[in-house]
N, C-alpha and C. Protein backbone atom coordinates (compact mmCIF):
# COMPACT_ATOMS: atom_id res chain seq x y z
N HIS A 1 0.82 -1.20 0.00
CA HIS A 1 0.00 0.00 0.00
C HIS A 1 0.86 1.26 0.00
N ILE A 2 1.92 1.27 0.82
CA ILE A 2 2.78 2.45 0.87
C ILE A 2 3.46 2.66 -0.47
N ARG A 3 4.02 1.60 -1.03
CA ARG A 3 4.71 1.72 -2.32
C ARG A 3 3.75 2.18 -3.41
N ILE A 4 2.58 1.58 -3.47
CA ILE A 4 1.61 1.92 -4.52
C ILE A 4 1.19 3.38 -4.40
N THR A 5 0.93 3.83 -3.17
CA THR A 5 0.51 5.21 -2.96
C THR A 5 1.57 6.19 -3.43
N LEU A 6 2.84 5.85 -3.21
CA LEU A 6 3.93 6.75 -3.58
C LEU A 6 4.26 6.70 -5.06
N GLU A 7 4.09 5.54 -5.69
CA GLU A 7 4.62 5.36 -7.04
C GLU A 7 3.58 5.30 -8.15
N GLU A 8 2.33 5.03 -7.81
CA GLU A 8 1.31 4.84 -8.84
C GLU A 8 0.28 5.96 -8.82
N ASP A 9 -0.47 6.08 -9.92
CA ASP A 9 -1.54 7.07 -10.00
C ASP A 9 -2.80 6.48 -9.38
N VAL A 10 -3.03 6.80 -8.12
CA VAL A 10 -4.16 6.21 -7.40
C VAL A 10 -5.12 7.29 -6.89
N GLY A 11 -5.08 8.45 -7.51
CA GLY A 11 -6.02 9.50 -7.13
C GLY A 11 -7.33 9.37 -7.88
N PHE A 12 -8.40 9.89 -7.27
CA PHE A 12 -9.67 9.97 -7.98
C PHE A 12 -9.47 10.84 -9.23
N GLY A 13 -10.24 10.56 -10.27
CA GLY A 13 -10.14 11.34 -11.50
C GLY A 13 -10.68 12.74 -11.33
N GLU A 14 -11.94 12.95 -11.66
CA GLU A 14 -12.54 14.27 -11.56
C GLU A 14 -13.30 14.47 -10.24
N LEU A 15 -13.38 13.46 -9.42
CA LEU A 15 -14.12 13.58 -8.17
C LEU A 15 -13.32 14.40 -7.18
N THR A 16 -13.97 15.40 -6.59
CA THR A 16 -13.31 16.25 -5.60
C THR A 16 -14.23 16.44 -4.40
N THR A 17 -13.70 17.06 -3.37
CA THR A 17 -14.49 17.35 -2.17
C THR A 17 -15.49 18.46 -2.40
N GLY A 18 -15.30 19.26 -3.43
CA GLY A 18 -16.17 20.41 -3.68
C GLY A 18 -15.68 21.70 -3.05
N LEU A 19 -14.60 21.60 -2.26
CA LEU A 19 -14.10 22.80 -1.58
C LEU A 19 -13.58 23.85 -2.55
N GLU A 20 -13.24 23.43 -3.79
CA GLU A 20 -12.73 24.40 -4.75
C GLU A 20 -13.82 25.40 -5.19
N ARG A 21 -15.07 25.11 -4.87
CA ARG A 21 -16.16 26.02 -5.24
C ARG A 21 -16.31 27.17 -4.25
N TYR A 22 -15.57 27.13 -3.15
CA TYR A 22 -15.72 28.14 -2.10
C TYR A 22 -14.55 29.11 -2.11
N ARG A 23 -14.85 30.36 -1.86
CA ARG A 23 -13.84 31.39 -1.72
C ARG A 23 -14.12 32.18 -0.44
N LEU A 24 -13.08 32.45 0.34
CA LEU A 24 -13.22 33.27 1.53
C LEU A 24 -13.18 34.74 1.13
N VAL A 25 -14.09 35.52 1.71
CA VAL A 25 -14.14 36.94 1.41
C VAL A 25 -12.95 37.63 2.07
N HIS A 26 -12.14 38.32 1.30
CA HIS A 26 -10.98 39.01 1.83
C HIS A 26 -11.40 40.24 2.63
N GLN A 27 -10.81 40.40 3.82
CA GLN A 27 -11.08 41.57 4.65
C GLN A 27 -9.82 42.44 4.68
N ALA A 28 -9.82 43.53 3.93
CA ALA A 28 -8.67 44.41 3.88
C ALA A 28 -8.44 45.11 5.20
N LEU A 29 -9.50 45.31 5.99
CA LEU A 29 -9.40 45.94 7.31
C LEU A 29 -10.00 44.98 8.34
N PRO A 30 -9.21 44.02 8.82
CA PRO A 30 -9.76 43.00 9.72
C PRO A 30 -10.13 43.51 11.10
N GLU A 31 -9.61 44.67 11.51
CA GLU A 31 -9.91 45.22 12.84
C GLU A 31 -9.56 44.21 13.95
N LEU A 32 -8.44 43.52 13.76
CA LEU A 32 -8.01 42.51 14.73
C LEU A 32 -6.49 42.38 14.65
N ASP A 33 -5.83 42.38 15.80
CA ASP A 33 -4.39 42.15 15.84
C ASP A 33 -4.10 40.66 15.67
N LEU A 34 -3.10 40.34 14.86
CA LEU A 34 -2.77 38.94 14.61
C LEU A 34 -2.38 38.23 15.91
N ASP A 35 -1.74 38.96 16.83
CA ASP A 35 -1.34 38.35 18.10
C ASP A 35 -2.54 37.91 18.93
N ASP A 36 -3.72 38.46 18.63
CA ASP A 36 -4.93 38.11 19.38
C ASP A 36 -5.65 36.89 18.80
N VAL A 37 -5.16 36.38 17.68
CA VAL A 37 -5.78 35.21 17.06
C VAL A 37 -5.26 33.96 17.74
N ASP A 38 -6.17 33.14 18.24
CA ASP A 38 -5.80 31.90 18.93
C ASP A 38 -6.52 30.75 18.26
N THR A 39 -5.78 29.88 17.60
CA THR A 39 -6.38 28.73 16.92
C THR A 39 -6.44 27.50 17.82
N GLY A 40 -6.02 27.64 19.07
CA GLY A 40 -5.99 26.50 19.98
C GLY A 40 -7.37 25.95 20.28
N VAL A 41 -7.42 24.67 20.61
CA VAL A 41 -8.68 24.00 20.90
C VAL A 41 -8.43 22.82 21.83
N GLU A 42 -9.42 22.48 22.63
CA GLU A 42 -9.35 21.30 23.47
C GLU A 42 -9.89 20.09 22.71
N MET A 43 -9.16 18.98 22.74
CA MET A 43 -9.61 17.74 22.11
C MET A 43 -9.23 16.58 23.00
N LEU A 44 -10.20 15.82 23.41
CA LEU A 44 -9.97 14.63 24.21
C LEU A 44 -9.16 14.94 25.46
N GLY A 45 -9.44 16.10 26.06
CA GLY A 45 -8.79 16.47 27.30
C GLY A 45 -7.39 17.01 27.15
N ARG A 46 -6.95 17.25 25.92
CA ARG A 46 -5.61 17.80 25.68
C ARG A 46 -5.72 19.07 24.85
N ARG A 47 -4.78 19.97 25.05
CA ARG A 47 -4.79 21.25 24.35
C ARG A 47 -3.99 21.13 23.06
N LEU A 48 -4.63 21.50 21.94
CA LEU A 48 -3.96 21.50 20.65
C LEU A 48 -3.71 22.93 20.19
N SER A 49 -2.71 23.11 19.34
CA SER A 49 -2.43 24.43 18.80
C SER A 49 -3.44 24.84 17.75
N ALA A 50 -4.10 23.85 17.15
CA ALA A 50 -5.09 24.09 16.11
C ALA A 50 -5.96 22.84 15.97
N PRO A 51 -7.17 22.98 15.44
CA PRO A 51 -8.05 21.81 15.27
C PRO A 51 -7.61 20.97 14.07
N VAL A 52 -6.44 20.34 14.21
CA VAL A 52 -5.84 19.57 13.12
C VAL A 52 -5.53 18.17 13.62
N VAL A 53 -5.84 17.16 12.78
CA VAL A 53 -5.53 15.77 13.10
C VAL A 53 -4.75 15.16 11.94
N ILE A 54 -3.59 14.56 12.25
CA ILE A 54 -2.90 13.72 11.27
C ILE A 54 -3.65 12.40 11.26
N SER A 55 -4.47 12.19 10.26
CA SER A 55 -5.40 11.07 10.28
C SER A 55 -4.68 9.73 10.12
N CYS A 56 -5.36 8.67 10.51
CA CYS A 56 -4.80 7.32 10.54
C CYS A 56 -4.32 6.89 9.15
N MET A 57 -3.09 6.36 9.09
CA MET A 57 -2.55 5.99 7.78
C MET A 57 -1.89 4.62 7.73
N THR A 58 -0.92 4.33 8.60
CA THR A 58 -0.06 3.17 8.33
C THR A 58 0.44 2.53 9.61
N GLY A 59 1.20 1.45 9.43
CA GLY A 59 1.77 0.66 10.51
C GLY A 59 1.80 -0.81 10.10
N GLY A 60 2.39 -1.64 10.95
CA GLY A 60 2.39 -3.07 10.67
C GLY A 60 3.60 -3.58 9.91
N VAL A 61 4.36 -2.66 9.31
CA VAL A 61 5.60 -3.01 8.61
C VAL A 61 6.65 -1.99 9.02
N GLU A 62 7.93 -2.28 8.77
CA GLU A 62 9.00 -1.40 9.22
C GLU A 62 8.89 -0.02 8.58
N ARG A 63 8.56 0.02 7.30
CA ARG A 63 8.43 1.33 6.65
C ARG A 63 7.28 2.12 7.28
N GLY A 64 6.21 1.42 7.61
CA GLY A 64 5.10 2.07 8.29
C GLY A 64 5.48 2.55 9.67
N ALA A 65 6.32 1.79 10.36
CA ALA A 65 6.80 2.19 11.68
C ALA A 65 7.62 3.47 11.58
N GLN A 66 8.46 3.56 10.57
CA GLN A 66 9.26 4.77 10.36
C GLN A 66 8.37 5.97 10.11
N ILE A 67 7.34 5.78 9.28
CA ILE A 67 6.42 6.88 9.00
C ILE A 67 5.69 7.30 10.26
N ASN A 68 5.21 6.34 11.04
CA ASN A 68 4.49 6.67 12.28
C ASN A 68 5.38 7.44 13.25
N ARG A 69 6.64 7.04 13.35
CA ARG A 69 7.54 7.74 14.27
C ARG A 69 7.78 9.18 13.83
N ARG A 70 7.93 9.37 12.54
CA ARG A 70 8.12 10.73 12.03
C ARG A 70 6.86 11.58 12.22
N LEU A 71 5.72 10.99 11.96
CA LEU A 71 4.46 11.72 12.15
C LEU A 71 4.25 12.06 13.62
N ALA A 72 4.62 11.15 14.50
CA ALA A 72 4.46 11.40 15.94
C ALA A 72 5.33 12.57 16.38
N ARG A 73 6.56 12.61 15.90
CA ARG A 73 7.44 13.74 16.25
C ARG A 73 6.86 15.05 15.73
N ALA A 74 6.32 15.01 14.52
CA ALA A 74 5.72 16.22 13.94
C ALA A 74 4.48 16.64 14.73
N ALA A 75 3.66 15.66 15.11
CA ALA A 75 2.45 15.97 15.88
C ALA A 75 2.79 16.61 17.21
N GLN A 76 3.80 16.08 17.88
CA GLN A 76 4.22 16.64 19.16
C GLN A 76 4.77 18.06 18.99
N ALA A 77 5.59 18.25 17.96
CA ALA A 77 6.19 19.57 17.73
C ALA A 77 5.14 20.61 17.39
N ALA A 78 4.15 20.21 16.58
CA ALA A 78 3.10 21.15 16.15
C ALA A 78 1.92 21.18 17.10
N ARG A 79 1.90 20.27 18.07
CA ARG A 79 0.79 20.14 19.02
C ARG A 79 -0.54 19.93 18.30
N VAL A 80 -0.58 18.89 17.45
CA VAL A 80 -1.81 18.46 16.81
C VAL A 80 -2.01 16.98 17.09
N ALA A 81 -3.22 16.49 16.86
CA ALA A 81 -3.54 15.09 17.15
C ALA A 81 -3.03 14.17 16.04
N MET A 82 -2.94 12.86 16.37
CA MET A 82 -2.44 11.89 15.40
C MET A 82 -3.11 10.54 15.60
N GLY A 83 -3.44 9.89 14.49
CA GLY A 83 -3.94 8.53 14.53
C GLY A 83 -2.97 7.57 13.88
N VAL A 84 -2.97 6.32 14.32
CA VAL A 84 -2.15 5.28 13.68
C VAL A 84 -3.01 4.50 12.70
N GLY A 85 -2.35 3.74 11.83
CA GLY A 85 -3.07 2.95 10.85
C GLY A 85 -3.79 1.77 11.50
N SER A 86 -4.51 1.02 10.68
CA SER A 86 -5.27 -0.11 11.19
C SER A 86 -4.37 -1.08 11.96
N GLN A 87 -4.78 -1.39 13.18
CA GLN A 87 -3.98 -2.24 14.06
C GLN A 87 -4.36 -3.72 13.98
N ARG A 88 -5.13 -4.07 13.02
CA ARG A 88 -5.59 -5.47 12.90
C ARG A 88 -4.41 -6.44 12.88
N ALA A 89 -3.39 -6.12 12.06
CA ALA A 89 -2.25 -7.03 11.94
C ALA A 89 -1.54 -7.22 13.27
N ALA A 90 -1.42 -6.14 14.05
CA ALA A 90 -0.72 -6.22 15.33
C ALA A 90 -1.52 -6.97 16.37
N LEU A 91 -2.83 -6.98 16.25
CA LEU A 91 -3.66 -7.77 17.17
C LEU A 91 -3.53 -9.26 16.87
N ASP A 92 -3.25 -9.58 15.61
CA ASP A 92 -3.06 -10.98 15.23
C ASP A 92 -1.61 -11.44 15.42
N ASP A 93 -0.67 -10.49 15.39
CA ASP A 93 0.75 -10.81 15.53
C ASP A 93 1.37 -9.74 16.43
N ALA A 94 1.60 -10.08 17.69
CA ALA A 94 2.09 -9.11 18.67
C ALA A 94 3.43 -8.51 18.29
N ALA A 95 4.21 -9.19 17.45
CA ALA A 95 5.51 -8.68 17.05
C ALA A 95 5.40 -7.39 16.25
N LEU A 96 4.22 -7.12 15.69
CA LEU A 96 4.02 -5.92 14.87
C LEU A 96 3.56 -4.72 15.68
N ALA A 97 3.30 -4.92 16.96
CA ALA A 97 2.74 -3.85 17.79
C ALA A 97 3.65 -2.64 17.87
N GLU A 98 4.97 -2.87 17.86
CA GLU A 98 5.91 -1.75 18.01
C GLU A 98 5.78 -0.74 16.88
N SER A 99 5.29 -1.16 15.73
CA SER A 99 5.18 -0.23 14.61
C SER A 99 4.10 0.82 14.83
N PHE A 100 3.27 0.59 15.87
CA PHE A 100 2.20 1.53 16.18
C PHE A 100 2.46 2.33 17.46
N ARG A 101 3.43 1.94 18.24
CA ARG A 101 3.65 2.56 19.55
C ARG A 101 4.51 3.81 19.41
N VAL A 102 3.87 4.96 19.55
CA VAL A 102 4.58 6.23 19.37
C VAL A 102 4.30 7.20 20.52
N ARG A 103 3.67 6.71 21.59
CA ARG A 103 3.33 7.62 22.69
C ARG A 103 4.56 8.28 23.28
N ASP A 104 5.70 7.59 23.30
CA ASP A 104 6.91 8.18 23.86
C ASP A 104 7.39 9.37 23.04
N LEU A 105 7.02 9.40 21.76
CA LEU A 105 7.41 10.50 20.89
C LEU A 105 6.37 11.62 20.86
N ALA A 106 5.16 11.32 21.30
CA ALA A 106 4.08 12.30 21.28
C ALA A 106 3.32 12.24 22.60
N PRO A 107 3.98 12.61 23.70
CA PRO A 107 3.37 12.43 25.02
C PRO A 107 2.23 13.39 25.35
N ASP A 108 2.15 14.51 24.62
CA ASP A 108 1.23 15.56 25.03
C ASP A 108 0.05 15.78 24.10
N VAL A 109 -0.05 15.00 23.04
CA VAL A 109 -1.13 15.21 22.07
C VAL A 109 -2.05 13.99 22.04
N PRO A 110 -3.29 14.16 21.59
CA PRO A 110 -4.19 13.01 21.49
C PRO A 110 -3.69 11.99 20.47
N LEU A 111 -3.65 10.73 20.86
CA LEU A 111 -3.34 9.63 19.95
C LEU A 111 -4.60 8.80 19.73
N LEU A 112 -4.82 8.39 18.50
CA LEU A 112 -6.02 7.66 18.13
C LEU A 112 -5.67 6.24 17.71
N ALA A 113 -6.24 5.25 18.39
CA ALA A 113 -6.13 3.85 17.95
C ALA A 113 -7.07 3.65 16.76
N ASN A 114 -6.94 2.51 16.07
CA ASN A 114 -7.66 2.38 14.80
C ASN A 114 -7.93 0.92 14.45
N LEU A 115 -9.19 0.62 14.18
CA LEU A 115 -9.61 -0.68 13.66
C LEU A 115 -10.71 -0.49 12.62
N GLY A 116 -10.86 -1.46 11.73
CA GLY A 116 -11.90 -1.40 10.71
C GLY A 116 -13.25 -1.84 11.27
N VAL A 117 -14.33 -1.21 10.80
CA VAL A 117 -15.66 -1.56 11.30
C VAL A 117 -16.04 -2.99 10.95
N SER A 118 -15.57 -3.49 9.81
CA SER A 118 -15.93 -4.86 9.42
C SER A 118 -15.38 -5.88 10.40
N GLN A 119 -14.34 -5.52 11.15
CA GLN A 119 -13.75 -6.43 12.12
C GLN A 119 -14.61 -6.58 13.37
N LEU A 120 -15.62 -5.72 13.52
CA LEU A 120 -16.51 -5.84 14.67
C LEU A 120 -17.39 -7.08 14.58
N ARG A 121 -17.46 -7.70 13.41
CA ARG A 121 -18.21 -8.95 13.24
C ARG A 121 -17.39 -10.17 13.64
N GLU A 122 -16.12 -9.98 13.94
CA GLU A 122 -15.26 -11.11 14.28
C GLU A 122 -15.39 -11.46 15.76
N PRO A 123 -15.12 -12.72 16.15
CA PRO A 123 -15.20 -13.12 17.56
C PRO A 123 -14.27 -12.29 18.43
N GLY A 124 -14.75 -11.94 19.62
CA GLY A 124 -13.93 -11.18 20.56
C GLY A 124 -13.65 -9.76 20.14
N ALA A 125 -14.53 -9.18 19.33
CA ALA A 125 -14.27 -7.86 18.77
C ALA A 125 -14.15 -6.78 19.84
N MET A 126 -15.00 -6.83 20.86
CA MET A 126 -14.96 -5.80 21.88
C MET A 126 -13.63 -5.82 22.64
N GLU A 127 -13.14 -7.00 22.92
CA GLU A 127 -11.86 -7.13 23.59
C GLU A 127 -10.72 -6.64 22.69
N ARG A 128 -10.82 -6.92 21.40
CA ARG A 128 -9.81 -6.46 20.47
C ARG A 128 -9.77 -4.93 20.40
N CYS A 129 -10.93 -4.30 20.51
CA CYS A 129 -10.98 -2.84 20.54
C CYS A 129 -10.22 -2.31 21.75
N ARG A 130 -10.45 -2.92 22.90
CA ARG A 130 -9.75 -2.48 24.11
C ARG A 130 -8.25 -2.71 24.00
N ARG A 131 -7.86 -3.82 23.39
CA ARG A 131 -6.43 -4.10 23.22
C ARG A 131 -5.78 -3.09 22.28
N ALA A 132 -6.50 -2.68 21.25
CA ALA A 132 -5.97 -1.69 20.32
C ALA A 132 -5.70 -0.36 21.03
N VAL A 133 -6.63 0.05 21.89
CA VAL A 133 -6.46 1.28 22.65
C VAL A 133 -5.26 1.17 23.58
N ASP A 134 -5.18 0.05 24.31
CA ASP A 134 -4.07 -0.14 25.25
C ASP A 134 -2.72 -0.22 24.55
N MET A 135 -2.70 -0.80 23.36
CA MET A 135 -1.45 -0.99 22.63
C MET A 135 -0.72 0.32 22.40
N VAL A 136 -1.45 1.40 22.13
CA VAL A 136 -0.81 2.67 21.79
C VAL A 136 -1.02 3.74 22.85
N GLY A 137 -1.68 3.38 23.96
CA GLY A 137 -1.98 4.38 24.97
C GLY A 137 -2.87 5.46 24.41
N ALA A 138 -3.90 5.06 23.68
CA ALA A 138 -4.71 6.00 22.91
C ALA A 138 -5.70 6.77 23.77
N ASP A 139 -6.03 7.96 23.30
CA ASP A 139 -7.07 8.77 23.93
C ASP A 139 -8.44 8.50 23.34
N ALA A 140 -8.48 7.87 22.19
CA ALA A 140 -9.75 7.56 21.53
C ALA A 140 -9.52 6.40 20.57
N LEU A 141 -10.62 5.78 20.16
CA LEU A 141 -10.58 4.68 19.20
C LEU A 141 -11.29 5.12 17.93
N VAL A 142 -10.59 5.03 16.81
CA VAL A 142 -11.18 5.30 15.50
C VAL A 142 -11.60 3.98 14.88
N LEU A 143 -12.82 3.93 14.40
CA LEU A 143 -13.31 2.80 13.62
C LEU A 143 -13.45 3.28 12.18
N HIS A 144 -12.66 2.69 11.28
CA HIS A 144 -12.70 3.19 9.91
C HIS A 144 -13.65 2.36 9.05
N ALA A 145 -14.43 3.09 8.25
CA ALA A 145 -15.43 2.48 7.38
C ALA A 145 -14.95 2.56 5.94
N ASN A 146 -14.65 1.41 5.35
CA ASN A 146 -14.13 1.36 3.98
C ASN A 146 -14.72 0.16 3.24
N PRO A 147 -16.05 0.08 3.11
CA PRO A 147 -16.68 -1.13 2.56
C PRO A 147 -16.24 -1.48 1.15
N LEU A 148 -16.04 -0.48 0.28
CA LEU A 148 -15.62 -0.80 -1.08
C LEU A 148 -14.23 -1.42 -1.09
N GLN A 149 -13.31 -0.85 -0.33
CA GLN A 149 -11.96 -1.40 -0.26
C GLN A 149 -11.97 -2.82 0.29
N VAL A 150 -12.73 -3.04 1.36
CA VAL A 150 -12.80 -4.38 1.96
C VAL A 150 -13.37 -5.38 0.97
N ALA A 151 -14.39 -4.95 0.19
CA ALA A 151 -15.01 -5.85 -0.79
C ALA A 151 -14.03 -6.24 -1.88
N LEU A 152 -13.05 -5.37 -2.17
CA LEU A 152 -12.09 -5.65 -3.24
C LEU A 152 -10.86 -6.40 -2.75
N GLN A 153 -10.62 -6.42 -1.44
CA GLN A 153 -9.43 -7.08 -0.91
C GLN A 153 -9.57 -8.60 -0.94
N PRO A 154 -8.54 -9.30 -1.41
CA PRO A 154 -8.59 -10.78 -1.35
C PRO A 154 -8.75 -11.28 0.07
N GLU A 155 -8.14 -10.56 1.04
CA GLU A 155 -8.23 -10.98 2.44
C GLU A 155 -9.34 -10.25 3.19
N GLY A 156 -10.15 -9.47 2.47
CA GLY A 156 -11.20 -8.67 3.11
C GLY A 156 -12.32 -9.52 3.70
N THR A 157 -13.03 -8.94 4.67
CA THR A 157 -14.18 -9.61 5.29
C THR A 157 -15.39 -8.70 5.10
N PRO A 158 -16.01 -8.74 3.91
CA PRO A 158 -17.09 -7.80 3.58
C PRO A 158 -18.44 -8.18 4.20
N ARG A 159 -18.45 -8.18 5.52
CA ARG A 159 -19.69 -8.46 6.25
C ARG A 159 -20.08 -7.20 7.01
N PHE A 160 -21.09 -6.51 6.49
CA PHE A 160 -21.41 -5.18 6.99
C PHE A 160 -22.76 -5.09 7.70
N ALA A 161 -23.53 -6.17 7.71
CA ALA A 161 -24.84 -6.13 8.35
C ALA A 161 -24.69 -5.97 9.87
N GLY A 162 -25.53 -5.13 10.46
CA GLY A 162 -25.56 -4.97 11.91
C GLY A 162 -24.45 -4.14 12.49
N LEU A 163 -23.68 -3.45 11.66
CA LEU A 163 -22.52 -2.73 12.17
C LEU A 163 -22.89 -1.50 12.99
N VAL A 164 -24.01 -0.85 12.65
CA VAL A 164 -24.40 0.33 13.43
C VAL A 164 -24.63 -0.05 14.89
N GLU A 165 -25.30 -1.16 15.11
CA GLU A 165 -25.54 -1.62 16.48
C GLU A 165 -24.24 -1.99 17.17
N LEU A 166 -23.34 -2.66 16.45
CA LEU A 166 -22.06 -3.04 17.04
C LEU A 166 -21.20 -1.83 17.38
N ILE A 167 -21.23 -0.82 16.52
CA ILE A 167 -20.50 0.41 16.81
C ILE A 167 -21.03 1.05 18.07
N GLY A 168 -22.36 1.01 18.25
CA GLY A 168 -22.95 1.53 19.47
C GLY A 168 -22.47 0.78 20.70
N GLU A 169 -22.30 -0.54 20.58
CA GLU A 169 -21.79 -1.33 21.70
C GLU A 169 -20.35 -0.94 22.04
N VAL A 170 -19.54 -0.72 21.01
CA VAL A 170 -18.16 -0.30 21.25
C VAL A 170 -18.14 1.06 21.94
N ALA A 171 -18.96 1.99 21.45
CA ALA A 171 -19.00 3.32 22.04
C ALA A 171 -19.39 3.28 23.51
N ALA A 172 -20.23 2.31 23.87
CA ALA A 172 -20.71 2.22 25.25
C ALA A 172 -19.72 1.51 26.17
N THR A 173 -18.80 0.73 25.61
CA THR A 173 -17.95 -0.12 26.45
C THR A 173 -16.45 0.13 26.30
N ALA A 174 -16.03 0.93 25.32
CA ALA A 174 -14.60 1.06 25.02
C ALA A 174 -13.82 1.76 26.12
N GLY A 175 -14.47 2.60 26.89
CA GLY A 175 -13.77 3.32 27.94
C GLY A 175 -13.07 4.59 27.47
N VAL A 176 -13.08 4.82 26.16
CA VAL A 176 -12.55 6.05 25.57
C VAL A 176 -13.54 6.52 24.51
N ALA A 177 -13.37 7.74 24.04
CA ALA A 177 -14.21 8.24 22.96
C ALA A 177 -14.03 7.37 21.72
N VAL A 178 -15.11 7.16 20.98
CA VAL A 178 -15.08 6.39 19.74
C VAL A 178 -15.44 7.31 18.59
N LEU A 179 -14.62 7.30 17.54
CA LEU A 179 -14.83 8.12 16.35
C LEU A 179 -15.03 7.22 15.15
N LEU A 180 -15.82 7.69 14.18
CA LEU A 180 -15.95 6.98 12.91
C LEU A 180 -15.17 7.73 11.85
N LYS A 181 -14.33 7.00 11.13
CA LYS A 181 -13.52 7.58 10.05
C LYS A 181 -13.90 6.94 8.73
N GLU A 182 -14.00 7.76 7.69
CA GLU A 182 -14.12 7.18 6.34
C GLU A 182 -12.88 7.57 5.56
N VAL A 183 -12.65 6.92 4.42
CA VAL A 183 -11.31 6.97 3.83
C VAL A 183 -11.29 7.52 2.41
N GLY A 184 -12.21 8.41 2.08
CA GLY A 184 -12.11 9.07 0.79
C GLY A 184 -13.32 9.00 -0.11
N TRP A 185 -14.45 8.53 0.41
CA TRP A 185 -15.68 8.51 -0.39
C TRP A 185 -16.78 9.39 0.22
N GLY A 186 -16.52 9.95 1.38
CA GLY A 186 -17.49 10.84 2.00
C GLY A 186 -18.42 10.11 2.96
N LEU A 187 -19.14 10.90 3.77
CA LEU A 187 -20.14 10.37 4.70
C LEU A 187 -21.49 10.99 4.38
N SER A 188 -22.50 10.16 4.31
CA SER A 188 -23.85 10.67 4.05
C SER A 188 -24.47 11.21 5.32
N GLU A 189 -25.51 12.01 5.16
CA GLU A 189 -26.25 12.51 6.31
C GLU A 189 -26.83 11.36 7.12
N GLU A 190 -27.30 10.32 6.44
CA GLU A 190 -27.89 9.19 7.14
C GLU A 190 -26.89 8.50 8.06
N VAL A 191 -25.67 8.31 7.56
CA VAL A 191 -24.64 7.67 8.37
C VAL A 191 -24.26 8.57 9.54
N ALA A 192 -24.12 9.87 9.29
CA ALA A 192 -23.76 10.79 10.36
C ALA A 192 -24.81 10.79 11.47
N ARG A 193 -26.07 10.80 11.11
CA ARG A 193 -27.14 10.77 12.11
C ARG A 193 -27.15 9.45 12.87
N ALA A 194 -26.93 8.34 12.15
CA ALA A 194 -26.91 7.03 12.80
C ALA A 194 -25.78 6.95 13.81
N MET A 195 -24.63 7.52 13.47
CA MET A 195 -23.50 7.49 14.39
C MET A 195 -23.74 8.37 15.61
N SER A 196 -24.38 9.50 15.41
CA SER A 196 -24.71 10.36 16.54
C SER A 196 -25.64 9.63 17.51
N GLU A 197 -26.62 8.96 16.96
CA GLU A 197 -27.58 8.22 17.79
C GLU A 197 -26.92 7.01 18.46
N ALA A 198 -25.87 6.47 17.85
CA ALA A 198 -25.18 5.30 18.40
C ALA A 198 -24.21 5.68 19.51
N GLY A 199 -24.00 6.98 19.73
CA GLY A 199 -23.09 7.41 20.79
C GLY A 199 -21.67 7.68 20.35
N VAL A 200 -21.43 7.72 19.04
CA VAL A 200 -20.09 8.03 18.54
C VAL A 200 -19.77 9.49 18.85
N ALA A 201 -18.54 9.74 19.29
CA ALA A 201 -18.16 11.08 19.76
C ALA A 201 -17.84 12.04 18.63
N GLY A 202 -17.46 11.54 17.46
CA GLY A 202 -17.10 12.43 16.37
C GLY A 202 -16.89 11.68 15.07
N LEU A 203 -16.77 12.43 14.00
CA LEU A 203 -16.60 11.87 12.67
C LEU A 203 -15.33 12.43 12.03
N ASP A 204 -14.52 11.55 11.45
CA ASP A 204 -13.35 11.95 10.68
C ASP A 204 -13.74 11.82 9.21
N VAL A 205 -14.06 12.95 8.60
CA VAL A 205 -14.60 12.93 7.23
C VAL A 205 -13.48 13.25 6.24
N ALA A 206 -12.98 12.25 5.57
CA ALA A 206 -11.94 12.50 4.58
C ALA A 206 -12.51 13.24 3.38
N GLY A 207 -13.78 13.04 3.10
CA GLY A 207 -14.39 13.68 1.94
C GLY A 207 -14.16 12.86 0.69
N ALA A 208 -15.00 13.07 -0.31
CA ALA A 208 -14.89 12.33 -1.56
C ALA A 208 -13.82 12.96 -2.44
N GLY A 209 -12.77 12.23 -2.70
CA GLY A 209 -11.68 12.75 -3.50
C GLY A 209 -10.34 12.33 -2.93
N GLY A 210 -9.26 12.79 -3.55
CA GLY A 210 -7.92 12.44 -3.08
C GLY A 210 -7.55 11.03 -3.49
N THR A 211 -6.92 10.31 -2.58
CA THR A 211 -6.48 8.94 -2.85
C THR A 211 -7.67 7.99 -2.92
N SER A 212 -7.69 7.15 -3.92
CA SER A 212 -8.74 6.13 -4.07
C SER A 212 -8.22 4.79 -3.59
N TRP A 213 -8.77 4.31 -2.49
CA TRP A 213 -8.32 3.01 -1.98
C TRP A 213 -8.83 1.86 -2.83
N ALA A 214 -9.90 2.08 -3.57
CA ALA A 214 -10.32 1.07 -4.53
C ALA A 214 -9.27 0.93 -5.63
N ARG A 215 -8.72 2.05 -6.07
CA ARG A 215 -7.67 2.02 -7.09
C ARG A 215 -6.41 1.36 -6.55
N ILE A 216 -6.08 1.61 -5.29
CA ILE A 216 -4.92 0.97 -4.68
C ILE A 216 -5.10 -0.55 -4.68
N GLU A 217 -6.29 -1.02 -4.29
CA GLU A 217 -6.53 -2.46 -4.25
C GLU A 217 -6.49 -3.07 -5.65
N GLN A 218 -6.83 -2.28 -6.66
CA GLN A 218 -6.71 -2.77 -8.04
C GLN A 218 -5.25 -3.05 -8.37
N PHE A 219 -4.35 -2.17 -7.92
CA PHE A 219 -2.92 -2.39 -8.14
C PHE A 219 -2.44 -3.59 -7.33
N VAL A 220 -2.97 -3.76 -6.11
CA VAL A 220 -2.58 -4.91 -5.29
C VAL A 220 -2.91 -6.22 -5.99
N ARG A 221 -4.12 -6.28 -6.57
CA ARG A 221 -4.59 -7.54 -7.15
C ARG A 221 -4.06 -7.77 -8.57
N TYR A 222 -3.99 -6.71 -9.35
CA TYR A 222 -3.69 -6.90 -10.77
C TYR A 222 -2.43 -6.18 -11.23
N GLY A 223 -1.83 -5.36 -10.37
CA GLY A 223 -0.63 -4.65 -10.75
C GLY A 223 -0.86 -3.50 -11.68
N GLU A 224 -2.13 -3.07 -11.82
CA GLU A 224 -2.43 -1.96 -12.75
C GLU A 224 -3.74 -1.32 -12.35
């Protein structure tokens, strides 16, 4: 995945987030001193310099471990939050856990653990969620929703029925805030409302556009 993302054309074609349609009105006389501008915000009980999150990306391999360590140093220096990539592999193989452990490099910022929603259908899922949080000393647990990618993966488990209820169970028992993340196709109003009703604390909306994980899986399976 890392190699393909860096070396291949895996971006959406004409699909964008729509943000290019917006323009901020310029204020030639802002009537405000720049020193009085404070972008700081509280998140998960920690103070950030700005409402910015380095969203969940990688781990499980040495190259991913290197990336996570660099991102953790950057997050600490900039005082922004950071998530690690899907921890599924490390839950199945404890030797991979170190590739996700970066709390020593980012002691003062929120760290987000990460698992896929489709894994909530697997035996012992609630315990695995708690182990993921403990593994990285996380302040919150991100559950990422990527049904198209999972459906295309040879090793994927495309079982999505009943996930809203299971997410609600995780939110009630995880012991930390639970967030829902999507990975580049957007979130509908229906999903956002369902997550609010299920007790999810927040949404990480990548928006439709950018990197296409369906395209990445096409390269994984067919090399093109």
